[in-house]
Structures are given as C-alpha cells and as structure tokens.
Amino acid sequence: MVAWALLLAFVALCVAGWALLVAISARLDTVRLERTIAQMLDVMTVEDQARTAALVERTNELQAARARLEQLRHKYETTLKLYQDSIAIDGPLGSKRVQ
C-alpha cells in the first residue's frame, strides 16, 4: 500500500512539475512576444516619423516651387506688359525705325 502511495505521489509530483514547466515556458513565450511587439511598435514609430518628415519636406519643396512659379509668372506678365507698351508707343512705324 505504501508503494502505491509513493507511486501516486511521484506521479502527482511529475504532473505538477510538467505543469510548472509548461507555465514557465508559456510565460517566457509571452515575455518574448511582448518584446517583439514592443520592437515592432518602435520600428513602426520610427518609420512613421520618417514618412512624416519626408512629407513635410516634400510639402516645403512644393511650396517653394509654387512660389518660384508665381515669381516667374509675375516676371513674364511684367515683361509682356512692357513689350506691349513699347509697341503701343512706337506705333505701326516702330519696326521701320529700327531698320
């Protein structure tokens, strides 16, 4: 009878040991998974910041290009107006005076 009790206690101890081992293993997997998720979030945050910085840079470049285009448009309109005014001053004989 004592042998059966010892055998039963040994089996219970083995089952408890396996349960403890499984619990520790699951906890370690959970910790590892949490670290992986934290690292992925860090990488995603850095990538998002890089995309935002690139978007801001492109926006600034676009604004600068639009400002330059507006300057060129104003210069063109001014030159065209001056040209049209000079033609109006010279009149129809202006081209003959140059010759």
PDB file of N, CA and C in Angstrom:
ATOM      1  N   MET A   1       0.807  -1.185   0.000  1.00  0.00           N
ATOM      2  CA  MET A   1       0.000   0.000   0.000  1.00  0.00           C
ATOM      3  C   MET A   1       0.853   1.253   0.000  1.00  0.00           C
ATOM      4  N   VAL A   2       1.951   1.235   0.753  1.00  0.00           N
ATOM      5  CA  VAL A   2       2.854   2.381   0.814  1.00  0.00           C
ATOM      6  C   VAL A   2       3.470   2.612  -0.555  1.00  0.00           C
ATOM      7  N   ALA A   3       3.765   1.519  -1.273  1.00  0.00           N
ATOM      8  CA  ALA A   3       4.358   1.622  -2.604  1.00  0.00           C
ATOM      9  C   ALA A   3       3.408   2.343  -3.548  1.00  0.00           C
ATOM     10  N   TRP A   4       2.106   1.986  -3.440  1.00  0.00           N
ATOM     11  CA  TRP A   4       1.122   2.667  -4.301  1.00  0.00           C
ATOM     12  C   TRP A   4       1.015   4.150  -3.937  1.00  0.00           C
ATOM     13  N   ALA A   5       1.092   4.446  -2.694  1.00  0.00           N
ATOM     14  CA  ALA A   5       1.014   5.837  -2.253  1.00  0.00           C
ATOM     15  C   ALA A   5       2.231   6.618  -2.729  1.00  0.00           C
ATOM     16  N   LEU A   6       3.403   5.988  -2.619  1.00  0.00           N
ATOM     17  CA  LEU A   6       4.618   6.636  -3.109  1.00  0.00           C
ATOM     18  C   LEU A   6       4.576   6.812  -4.629  1.00  0.00           C
ATOM     19  N   LEU A   7       4.102   5.801  -5.328  1.00  0.00           N
ATOM     20  CA  LEU A   7       3.991   5.889  -6.778  1.00  0.00           C
ATOM     21  C   LEU A   7       3.002   6.987  -7.178  1.00  0.00           C
ATOM     22  N   LEU A   8       1.884   7.046  -6.496  1.00  0.00           N
ATOM     23  CA  LEU A   8       0.889   8.065  -6.774  1.00  0.00           C
ATOM     24  C   LEU A   8       1.445   9.460  -6.454  1.00  0.00           C
ATOM     25  N   ALA A   9       2.189   9.592  -5.362  1.00  0.00           N
ATOM     26  CA  ALA A   9       2.803  10.875  -5.008  1.00  0.00           C
ATOM     27  C   ALA A   9       3.848  11.264  -6.051  1.00  0.00           C
ATOM     28  N   PHE A  10       4.625  10.289  -6.528  1.00  0.00           N
ATOM     29  CA  PHE A  10       5.626  10.557  -7.560  1.00  0.00           C
ATOM     30  C   PHE A  10       4.963  11.007  -8.857  1.00  0.00           C
ATOM     31  N   VAL A  11       3.889  10.356  -9.260  1.00  0.00           N
ATOM     32  CA  VAL A  11       3.153  10.742 -10.474  1.00  0.00           C
ATOM     33  C   VAL A  11       2.570  12.138 -10.303  1.00  0.00           C
ATOM     34  N   ALA A  12       2.022  12.427  -9.140  1.00  0.00           N
ATOM     35  CA  ALA A  12       1.465  13.757  -8.885  1.00  0.00           C
ATOM     36  C   ALA A  12       2.566  14.810  -8.929  1.00  0.00           C
ATOM     37  N   LEU A  13       3.734  14.475  -8.370  1.00  0.00           N
ATOM     38  CA  LEU A  13       4.870  15.395  -8.406  1.00  0.00           C
ATOM     39  C   LEU A  13       5.330  15.627  -9.846  1.00  0.00           C
ATOM     40  N   CYS A  14       5.371  14.583 -10.657  1.00  0.00           N
ATOM     41  CA  CYS A  14       5.762  14.713 -12.072  1.00  0.00           C
ATOM     42  C   CYS A  14       4.754  15.571 -12.834  1.00  0.00           C
ATOM     43  N   VAL A  15       3.481  15.339 -12.592  1.00  0.00           N
ATOM     44  CA  VAL A  15       2.442  16.139 -13.259  1.00  0.00           C
ATOM     45  C   VAL A  15       2.557  17.592 -12.829  1.00  0.00           C
ATOM     46  N   ALA A  16       2.774  17.834 -11.560  1.00  0.00           N
ATOM     47  CA  ALA A  16       2.938  19.204 -11.069  1.00  0.00           C
ATOM     48  C   ALA A  16       4.186  19.841 -11.675  1.00  0.00           C
ATOM     49  N   GLY A  17       5.261  19.070 -11.793  1.00  0.00           N
ATOM     50  CA  GLY A  17       6.494  19.562 -12.413  1.00  0.00           C
ATOM     51  C   GLY A  17       6.276  19.934 -13.864  1.00  0.00           C
ATOM     52  N   TRP A  18       5.575  19.057 -14.603  1.00  0.00           N
ATOM     53  CA  TRP A  18       5.277  19.356 -16.005  1.00  0.00           C
ATOM     54  C   TRP A  18       4.384  20.583 -16.108  1.00  0.00           C
ATOM     55  N   ALA A  19       3.421  20.714 -15.235  1.00  0.00           N
ATOM     56  CA  ALA A  19       2.539  21.887 -15.256  1.00  0.00           C
ATOM     57  C   ALA A  19       3.343  23.160 -14.986  1.00  0.00           C
ATOM     58  N   LEU A  20       4.264  23.086 -14.026  1.00  0.00           N
ATOM     59  CA  LEU A  20       5.111  24.235 -13.727  1.00  0.00           C
ATOM     60  C   LEU A  20       6.007  24.568 -14.917  1.00  0.00           C
ATOM     61  N   LEU A  21       6.581  23.555 -15.558  1.00  0.00           N
ATOM     62  CA  LEU A  21       7.430  23.756 -16.721  1.00  0.00           C
ATOM     63  C   LEU A  21       6.639  24.392 -17.871  1.00  0.00           C
ATOM     64  N   VAL A  22       5.430  23.914 -18.093  1.00  0.00           N
ATOM     65  CA  VAL A  22       4.580  24.487 -19.148  1.00  0.00           C
ATOM     66  C   VAL A  22       4.220  25.927 -18.813  1.00  0.00           C
ATOM     67  N   ALA A  23       3.916  26.217 -17.560  1.00  0.00           N
ATOM     68  CA  ALA A  23       3.570  27.580 -17.154  1.00  0.00           C
ATOM     69  C   ALA A  23       4.759  28.522 -17.332  1.00  0.00           C
ATOM     70  N   ILE A  24       5.946  28.080 -16.950  1.00  0.00           N
ATOM     71  CA  ILE A  24       7.153  28.908 -17.110  1.00  0.00           C
ATOM     72  C   ILE A  24       7.441  29.130 -18.586  1.00  0.00           C
ATOM     73  N   SER A  25       7.318  28.069 -19.366  1.00  0.00           N
ATOM     74  CA  SER A  25       7.552  28.189 -20.807  1.00  0.00           C
ATOM     75  C   SER A  25       6.556  29.152 -21.452  1.00  0.00           C
ATOM     76  N   ALA A  26       5.306  29.066 -21.048  1.00  0.00           N
ATOM     77  CA  ALA A  26       4.287  29.973 -21.592  1.00  0.00           C
ATOM     78  C   ALA A  26       4.580  31.416 -21.191  1.00  0.00           C
ATOM     79  N   ARG A  27       5.018  31.613 -19.970  1.00  0.00           N
ATOM     80  CA  ARG A  27       5.345  32.961 -19.509  1.00  0.00           C
ATOM     81  C   ARG A  27       6.534  33.521 -20.283  1.00  0.00           C
ATOM     82  N   LEU A  28       7.553  32.700 -20.509  1.00  0.00           N
ATOM     83  CA  LEU A  28       8.711  33.142 -21.283  1.00  0.00           C
ATOM     84  C   LEU A  28       8.314  33.488 -22.720  1.00  0.00           C
ATOM     85  N   ASP A  29       7.432  32.677 -23.299  1.00  0.00           N
ATOM     86  CA  ASP A  29       6.937  32.976 -24.648  1.00  0.00           C
ATOM     87  C   ASP A  29       6.166  34.286 -24.663  1.00  0.00           C
ATOM     88  N   THR A  30       5.384  34.528 -23.627  1.00  0.00           N
ATOM     89  CA  THR A  30       4.618  35.771 -23.534  1.00  0.00           C
ATOM     90  C   THR A  30       5.555  36.973 -23.426  1.00  0.00           C
ATOM     91  N   VAL A  31       6.581  36.841 -22.603  1.00  0.00           N
ATOM     92  CA  VAL A  31       7.552  37.929 -22.455  1.00  0.00           C
ATOM     93  C   VAL A  31       8.270  38.172 -23.781  1.00  0.00           C
ATOM     94  N   ARG A  32       8.678  37.119 -24.445  1.00  0.00           N
ATOM     95  CA  ARG A  32       9.352  37.237 -25.738  1.00  0.00           C
ATOM     96  C   ARG A  32       8.429  37.886 -26.766  1.00  0.00           C
ATOM     97  N   LEU A  33       7.175  37.501 -26.757  1.00  0.00           N
ATOM     98  CA  LEU A  33       6.199  38.086 -27.678  1.00  0.00           C
ATOM     99  C   LEU A  33       5.977  39.564 -27.373  1.00  0.00           C
ATOM    100  N   GLU A  34       5.914  39.910 -26.085  1.00  0.00           N
ATOM    101  CA  GLU A  34       5.749  41.317 -25.706  1.00  0.00           C
ATOM    102  C   GLU A  34       6.950  42.147 -26.164  1.00  0.00           C
ATOM    103  N   ARG A  35       8.154  41.612 -26.037  1.00  0.00           N
ATOM    104  CA  ARG A  35       9.354  42.320 -26.502  1.00  0.00           C
ATOM    105  C   ARG A  35       9.312  42.505 -28.019  1.00  0.00           C
ATOM    106  N   THR A  36       8.914  41.456 -28.716  1.00  0.00           N
ATOM    107  CA  THR A  36       8.831  41.540 -30.176  1.00  0.00           C
ATOM    108  C   THR A  36       7.819  42.591 -30.589  1.00  0.00           C
ATOM    109  N   ILE A  37       6.686  42.609 -29.938  1.00  0.00           N
ATOM    110  CA  ILE A  37       5.654  43.609 -30.251  1.00  0.00           C
ATOM    111  C   ILE A  37       6.173  45.009 -29.952  1.00  0.00           C
ATOM    112  N   ALA A  38       6.869  45.182 -28.830  1.00  0.00           N
ATOM    113  CA  ALA A  38       7.426  46.492 -28.485  1.00  0.00           C
ATOM    114  C   ALA A  38       8.445  46.939 -29.526  1.00  0.00           C
ATOM    115  N   GLN A  39       9.296  46.014 -29.981  1.00  0.00           N
ATOM    116  CA  GLN A  39      10.270  46.350 -31.009  1.00  0.00           C
ATOM    117  C   GLN A  39       9.576  46.732 -32.316  1.00  0.00           C
ATOM    118  N   MET A  40       8.540  45.989 -32.676  1.00  0.00           N
ATOM    119  CA  MET A  40       7.795  46.301 -33.902  1.00  0.00           C
ATOM    120  C   MET A  40       7.137  47.672 -33.800  1.00  0.00           C
ATOM    121  N   LEU A  41       6.594  47.994 -32.638  1.00  0.00           N
ATOM    122  CA  LEU A  41       5.992  49.312 -32.443  1.00  0.00           C
ATOM    123  C   LEU A  41       7.038  50.414 -32.545  1.00  0.00           C
ATOM    124  N   ASP A  42       8.230  50.160 -32.002  1.00  0.00           N
ATOM    125  CA  ASP A  42       9.313  51.138 -32.116  1.00  0.00           C
ATOM    126  C   ASP A  42       9.687  51.362 -33.578  1.00  0.00           C
ATOM    127  N   VAL A  43       9.827  50.273 -34.325  1.00  0.00           N
ATOM    128  CA  VAL A  43      10.172  50.375 -35.742  1.00  0.00           C
ATOM    129  C   VAL A  43       9.070  51.113 -36.499  1.00  0.00           C
ATOM    130  N   MET A  44       7.831  50.794 -36.209  1.00  0.00           N
ATOM    131  CA  MET A  44       6.715  51.458 -36.887  1.00  0.00           C
ATOM    132  C   MET A  44       6.682  52.946 -36.544  1.00  0.00           C
ATOM    133  N   THR A  45       6.993  53.284 -35.312  1.00  0.00           N
ATOM    134  CA  THR A  45       7.023  54.696 -34.905  1.00  0.00           C
ATOM    135  C   THR A  45       8.116  55.447 -35.653  1.00  0.00           C
ATOM    136  N   VAL A  46       9.289  54.846 -35.745  1.00  0.00           N
ATOM    137  CA  VAL A  46      10.401  55.481 -36.464  1.00  0.00           C
ATOM    138  C   VAL A  46      10.053  55.642 -37.944  1.00  0.00           C
ATOM    139  N   GLU A  47       9.469  54.604 -38.545  1.00  0.00           N
ATOM    140  CA  GLU A  47       9.076  54.685 -39.949  1.00  0.00           C
ATOM    141  C   GLU A  47       8.009  55.754 -40.155  1.00  0.00           C
ATOM    142  N   ASP A  48       7.064  55.842 -39.236  1.00  0.00           N
ATOM    143  CA  ASP A  48       6.022  56.856 -39.345  1.00  0.00           C
ATOM    144  C   ASP A  48       6.613  58.256 -39.241  1.00  0.00           C
ATOM    145  N   GLN A  49       7.571  58.438 -38.327  1.00  0.00           N
ATOM    146  CA  GLN A  49       8.232  59.738 -38.197  1.00  0.00           C
ATOM    147  C   GLN A  49       9.016  60.073 -39.461  1.00  0.00           C
ATOM    148  N   ALA A  50       9.662  59.076 -40.051  1.00  0.00           N
ATOM    149  CA  ALA A  50      10.418  59.303 -41.290  1.00  0.00           C
ATOM    150  C   ALA A  50       9.470  59.685 -42.430  1.00  0.00           C
ATOM    151  N   ARG A  51       8.329  58.994 -42.515  1.00  0.00           N
ATOM    152  CA  ARG A  51       7.338  59.336 -43.557  1.00  0.00           C
ATOM    153  C   ARG A  51       6.803  60.740 -43.343  1.00  0.00           C
ATOM    154  N   THR A  52       6.538  61.089 -42.109  1.00  0.00           N
ATOM    155  CA  THR A  52       6.024  62.433 -41.806  1.00  0.00           C
ATOM    156  C   THR A  52       7.063  63.488 -42.160  1.00  0.00           C
ATOM    157  N   ALA A  53       8.322  63.240 -41.822  1.00  0.00           N
ATOM    158  CA  ALA A  53       9.387  64.190 -42.155  1.00  0.00           C
ATOM    159  C   ALA A  53       9.536  64.327 -43.665  1.00  0.00           C
ATOM    160  N   ALA A  54       9.460  63.212 -44.382  1.00  0.00           N
ATOM    161  CA  ALA A  54       9.559  63.260 -45.842  1.00  0.00           C
ATOM    162  C   ALA A  54       8.380  64.024 -46.436  1.00  0.00           C
ATOM    163  N   LEU A  55       7.197  63.822 -45.872  1.00  0.00           N
ATOM    164  CA  LEU A  55       6.019  64.524 -46.357  1.00  0.00           C
ATOM    165  C   LEU A  55       6.146  66.027 -46.117  1.00  0.00           C
ATOM    166  N   VAL A  56       6.647  66.399 -44.960  1.00  0.00           N
ATOM    167  CA  VAL A  56       6.847  67.824 -44.666  1.00  0.00           C
ATOM    168  C   VAL A  56       7.880  68.412 -45.625  1.00  0.00           C
ATOM    169  N   GLU A  57       8.954  67.664 -45.869  1.00  0.00           N
ATOM    170  CA  GLU A  57       9.988  68.143 -46.788  1.00  0.00           C
ATOM    171  C   GLU A  57       9.426  68.321 -48.193  1.00  0.00           C
ATOM    172  N   ARG A  58       8.655  67.349 -48.657  1.00  0.00           N
ATOM    173  CA  ARG A  58       8.058  67.448 -49.996  1.00  0.00           C
ATOM    174  C   ARG A  58       7.057  68.608 -50.062  1.00  0.00           C
ATOM    175  N   THR A  59       6.325  68.820 -48.985  1.00  0.00           N
ATOM    176  CA  THR A  59       5.386  69.939 -48.937  1.00  0.00           C
ATOM    177  C   THR A  59       6.131  71.264 -49.035  1.00  0.00           C
ATOM    178  N   ASN A  60       7.245  71.376 -48.311  1.00  0.00           N
ATOM    179  CA  ASN A  60       8.054  72.593 -48.378  1.00  0.00           C
ATOM    180  C   ASN A  60       8.633  72.790 -49.774  1.00  0.00           C
ATOM    181  N   GLU A  61       9.088  71.709 -50.394  1.00  0.00           N
ATOM    182  CA  GLU A  61       9.616  71.805 -51.753  1.00  0.00           C
ATOM    183  C   GLU A  61       8.524  72.250 -52.722  1.00  0.00           C
ATOM    184  N   LEU A  62       7.331  71.713 -52.547  1.00  0.00           N
ATOM    185  CA  LEU A  62       6.210  72.087 -53.414  1.00  0.00           C
ATOM    186  C   LEU A  62       5.852  73.555 -53.220  1.00  0.00           C
ATOM    187  N   GLN A  63       5.838  74.018 -52.001  1.00  0.00           N
ATOM    188  CA  GLN A  63       5.543  75.434 -51.745  1.00  0.00           C
ATOM    189  C   GLN A  63       6.607  76.329 -52.363  1.00  0.00           C
ATOM    190  N   ALA A  64       7.869  75.922 -52.258  1.00  0.00           N
ATOM    191  CA  ALA A  64       8.954  76.704 -52.862  1.00  0.00           C
ATOM    192  C   ALA A  64       8.821  76.722 -54.380  1.00  0.00           C
ATOM    193  N   ALA A  65       8.468  75.593 -54.968  1.00  0.00           N
ATOM    194  CA  ALA A  65       8.282  75.534 -56.419  1.00  0.00           C
ATOM    195  C   ALA A  65       7.106  76.404 -56.849  1.00  0.00           C
ATOM    196  N   ARG A  66       6.035  76.383 -56.085  1.00  0.00           N
ATOM    197  CA  ARG A  66       4.884  77.236 -56.417  1.00  0.00           C
ATOM    198  C   ARG A  66       5.247  78.714 -56.302  1.00  0.00           C
ATOM    199  N   ALA A  67       6.030  79.075 -55.280  1.00  0.00           N
ATOM    200  CA  ALA A  67       6.464  80.468 -55.123  1.00  0.00           C
ATOM    201  C   ALA A  67       7.345  80.871 -56.299  1.00  0.00           C
ATOM    202  N   ARG A  68       8.263  80.003 -56.703  1.00  0.00           N
ATOM    203  CA  ARG A  68       9.134  80.286 -57.851  1.00  0.00           C
ATOM    204  C   ARG A  68       8.307  80.424 -59.130  1.00  0.00           C
ATOM    205  N   LEU A  69       7.320  79.560 -59.301  1.00  0.00           N
ATOM    206  CA  LEU A  69       6.435  79.645 -60.467  1.00  0.00           C
ATOM    207  C   LEU A  69       5.664  80.962 -60.469  1.00  0.00           C
ATOM    208  N   GLU A  70       5.206  81.375 -59.311  1.00  0.00           N
ATOM    209  CA  GLU A  70       4.482  82.641 -59.213  1.00  0.00           C
ATOM    210  C   GLU A  70       5.412  83.807 -59.542  1.00  0.00           C
ATOM    211  N   GLN A  71       6.666  83.741 -59.088  1.00  0.00           N
ATOM    212  CA  GLN A  71       7.638  84.782 -59.433  1.00  0.00           C
ATOM    213  C   GLN A  71       7.867  84.840 -60.941  1.00  0.00           C
ATOM    214  N   LEU A  72       8.020  83.669 -61.537  1.00  0.00           N
ATOM    215  CA  LEU A  72       8.231  83.625 -62.989  1.00  0.00           C
ATOM    216  C   LEU A  72       7.004  84.129 -63.749  1.00  0.00           C
ATOM    217  N   ARG A  73       5.824  83.783 -63.258  1.00  0.00           N
ATOM    218  CA  ARG A  73       4.590  84.245 -63.894  1.00  0.00           C
ATOM    219  C   ARG A  73       4.504  85.775 -63.820  1.00  0.00           C
ATOM    220  N   HIS A  74       4.837  86.328 -62.652  1.00  0.00           N
ATOM    221  CA  HIS A  74       4.809  87.783 -62.478  1.00  0.00           C
ATOM    222  C   HIS A  74       5.841  88.447 -63.396  1.00  0.00           C
ATOM    223  N   LYS A  75       7.035  87.861 -63.480  1.00  0.00           N
ATOM    224  CA  LYS A  75       8.076  88.406 -64.352  1.00  0.00           C
ATOM    225  C   LYS A  75       7.628  88.361 -65.809  1.00  0.00           C
ATOM    226  N   TYR A  76       7.007  87.255 -66.206  1.00  0.00           N
ATOM    227  CA  TYR A  76       6.514  87.122 -67.578  1.00  0.00           C
ATOM    228  C   TYR A  76       5.450  88.176 -67.874  1.00  0.00           C
ATOM    229  N   GLU A  77       4.499  88.324 -66.958  1.00  0.00           N
ATOM    230  CA  GLU A  77       3.429  89.296 -67.180  1.00  0.00           C
ATOM    231  C   GLU A  77       3.982  90.717 -67.244  1.00  0.00           C
ATOM    232  N   THR A  78       4.974  91.026 -66.396  1.00  0.00           N
ATOM    233  CA  THR A  78       5.591  92.352 -66.417  1.00  0.00           C
ATOM    234  C   THR A  78       6.328  92.589 -67.732  1.00  0.00           C
ATOM    235  N   THR A  79       7.090  91.603 -68.166  1.00  0.00           N
ATOM    236  CA  THR A  79       7.825  91.724 -69.430  1.00  0.00           C
ATOM    237  C   THR A  79       6.858  91.855 -70.599  1.00  0.00           C
ATOM    238  N   LEU A  80       5.800  91.071 -70.597  1.00  0.00           N
ATOM    239  CA  LEU A  80       4.801  91.154 -71.665  1.00  0.00           C
ATOM    240  C   LEU A  80       4.151  92.524 -71.683  1.00  0.00           C
ATOM    241  N   LYS A  81       3.814  93.058 -70.525  1.00  0.00           N
ATOM    242  CA  LYS A  81       3.192  94.381 -70.460  1.00  0.00           C
ATOM    243  C   LYS A  81       4.150  95.442 -70.969  1.00  0.00           C
ATOM    244  N   LEU A  82       5.413  95.375 -70.544  1.00  0.00           N
ATOM    245  CA  LEU A  82       6.404  96.341 -71.040  1.00  0.00           C
ATOM    246  C   LEU A  82       6.561  96.235 -72.554  1.00  0.00           C
ATOM    247  N   TYR A  83       6.566  95.036 -73.074  1.00  0.00           N
ATOM    248  CA  TYR A  83       6.678  94.837 -74.518  1.00  0.00           C
ATOM    249  C   TYR A  83       5.473  95.425 -75.236  1.00  0.00           C
ATOM    250  N   GLN A  84       4.291  95.139 -74.717  1.00  0.00           N
ATOM    251  CA  GLN A  84       3.080  95.669 -75.347  1.00  0.00           C
ATOM    252  C   GLN A  84       3.053  97.198 -75.268  1.00  0.00           C
ATOM    253  N   ASP A  85       3.510  97.757 -74.148  1.00  0.00           N
ATOM    254  CA  ASP A  85       3.575  99.214 -74.020  1.00  0.00           C
ATOM    255  C   ASP A  85       4.568  99.805 -75.014  1.00  0.00           C
ATOM    256  N   SER A  86       5.706  99.157 -75.214  1.00  0.00           N
ATOM    257  CA  SER A  86       6.692  99.683 -76.154  1.00  0.00           C
ATOM    258  C   SER A  86       6.179  99.623 -77.579  1.00  0.00           C
ATOM    259  N   ILE A  87       5.416  98.593 -77.906  1.00  0.00           N
ATOM    260  CA  ILE A  87       4.814  98.515 -79.236  1.00  0.00           C
ATOM    261  C   ILE A  87       3.785  99.631 -79.388  1.00  0.00           C
ATOM    262  N   ALA A  88       3.011  99.887 -78.350  1.00  0.00           N
ATOM    263  CA  ALA A  88       1.983 100.935 -78.414  1.00  0.00           C
ATOM    264  C   ALA A  88       2.625 102.307 -78.574  1.00  0.00           C
ATOM    265  N   ILE A  89       3.773 102.525 -77.923  1.00  0.00           N
ATOM    266  CA  ILE A  89       4.458 103.813 -78.033  1.00  0.00           C
ATOM    267  C   ILE A  89       5.039 103.994 -79.435  1.00  0.00           C
ATOM    268  N   ASP A  90       5.688 102.946 -79.964  1.00  0.00           N
ATOM    269  CA  ASP A  90       6.308 103.035 -81.282  1.00  0.00           C
ATOM    270  C   ASP A  90       5.270 103.129 -82.389  1.00  0.00           C
ATOM    271  N   GLY A  91       4.131 102.540 -82.185  1.00  0.00           N
ATOM    272  CA  GLY A  91       3.088 102.571 -83.200  1.00  0.00           C
ATOM    273  C   GLY A  91       3.445 101.691 -84.375  1.00  0.00           C
ATOM    274  N   PRO A  92       2.707 101.846 -85.458  1.00  0.00           N
ATOM    275  CA  PRO A  92       2.921 100.965 -86.612  1.00  0.00           C
ATOM    276  C   PRO A  92       4.252 101.235 -87.308  1.00  0.00           C
ATOM    277  N   LEU A  93       4.878 102.400 -87.112  1.00  0.00           N
ATOM    278  CA  LEU A  93       6.143 102.711 -87.775  1.00  0.00           C
ATOM    279  C   LEU A  93       7.344 102.278 -86.970  1.00  0.00           C
ATOM    280  N   GLY A  94       7.130 101.724 -85.799  1.00  0.00           N
ATOM    281  CA  GLY A  94       8.242 101.345 -84.930  1.00  0.00           C
ATOM    282  C   GLY A  94       9.183 100.359 -85.575  1.00  0.00           C
ATOM    283  N   SER A  95       8.664  99.400 -86.283  1.00  0.00           N
ATOM    284  CA  SER A  95       9.537  98.402 -86.888  1.00  0.00           C
ATOM    285  C   SER A  95      10.342  99.016 -88.016  1.00  0.00           C
ATOM    286  N   LYS A  96       9.832 100.055 -88.692  1.00  0.00           N
ATOM    287  CA  LYS A  96      10.576 100.690 -89.775  1.00  0.00           C
ATOM    288  C   LYS A  96      11.697 101.556 -89.216  1.00  0.00           C
ATOM    289  N   ARG A  97      11.544 102.137 -88.049  1.00  0.00           N
ATOM    290  CA  ARG A  97      12.595 102.955 -87.449  1.00  0.00           C
ATOM    291  C   ARG A  97      13.800 102.124 -87.090  1.00  0.00           C
ATOM    292  N   VAL A  98      13.575 100.907 -86.692  1.00  0.00           N
ATOM    293  CA  VAL A  98      14.678 100.026 -86.308  1.00  0.00           C
ATOM    294  C   VAL A  98      15.530  99.729 -87.532  1.00  0.00           C
ATOM    295  N   GLN A  99      14.919  99.597 -88.676  1.00  0.00           N
ATOM    296  CA  GLN A  99      15.659  99.256 -89.896  1.00  0.00           C
ATOM    297  C   GLN A  99      16.467 100.424 -90.246  1.00  0.00           C
TER     298      GLN A  99
END
